[in-house]
Protein backbone atom coordinates (compact mmCIF):
# COMPACT_ATOMS: atom_id res chain seq x y z
CA MET A 1 0.00 0.00 0.00
CA PRO A 2 1.40 3.43 -0.87
CA GLN A 3 2.38 5.76 1.93
CA ILE A 4 1.66 9.47 1.91
CA ALA A 5 3.38 12.08 4.06
CA LEU A 6 1.01 14.68 5.52
CA SER A 7 1.79 18.05 7.00
CA GLU A 8 0.94 18.69 10.64
CA GLU A 9 -1.83 21.07 9.54
CA THR A 10 -3.43 18.38 7.36
CA VAL A 11 -3.31 15.88 10.22
CA ARG A 12 -4.99 18.43 12.53
CA ARG A 13 -7.72 19.02 9.95
CA LEU A 14 -8.30 15.28 9.53
CA ASP A 15 -8.41 14.90 13.32
CA GLY A 16 -11.17 17.50 13.36
CA LEU A 17 -13.22 15.41 10.92
CA ARG A 18 -12.69 12.03 12.58
CA THR A 19 -15.29 10.53 14.87
CA GLU A 20 -14.31 8.31 17.78
CA GLY A 21 -12.64 5.16 16.50
CA GLU A 22 -12.67 6.26 12.85
CA SER A 23 -9.41 5.71 10.98
CA TYR A 24 -7.70 8.21 8.71
CA ASP A 25 -8.38 5.79 5.84
CA ASP A 26 -12.11 5.98 6.59
CA VAL A 27 -12.08 9.79 6.66
CA VAL A 28 -10.10 10.07 3.42
CA SER A 29 -12.31 7.51 1.67
CA GLU A 30 -15.41 9.44 2.69
CA LEU A 31 -13.91 12.72 1.48
CA VAL A 32 -13.02 11.15 -1.88
CA SER A 33 -16.56 9.78 -2.22
CA ILE A 34 -18.02 13.22 -1.52
CA TYR A 35 -15.68 14.81 -4.05
CA GLU A 36 -16.58 12.23 -6.71
CA ALA A 37 -20.32 12.69 -6.06
CA GLU A 38 -19.98 16.47 -6.41
CA GLU A 39 -17.96 16.02 -9.58
CA ARG A 40 -20.68 13.79 -11.08
CA SER A 41 -23.44 16.21 -10.14
CA MET A 42 -21.54 19.09 -11.73
CA ALA A 43 -21.07 17.05 -14.91
CA THR A 44 -24.76 16.27 -15.20
CA GLY A 45 -25.92 19.80 -14.44
CA PRO A 46 -28.55 21.04 -12.03
CA ASP A 47 -31.47 18.89 -11.06
CA GLU A 48 -34.42 20.16 -13.10
CA SER A 49 -37.08 18.09 -11.32
CA GLY A 50 -37.57 20.66 -8.55
């Protein structure tokens, strides 16, 4: 598995997002999923059903 070096500031920001017992891998995976979902919604345009 690749290793990534993070700055102290990045670690502090990730710590702020973590819930009790949640790993850094979990937090990063969730952030990537959110980013990908936003990217898909931007590609498809606004929802016109509303």
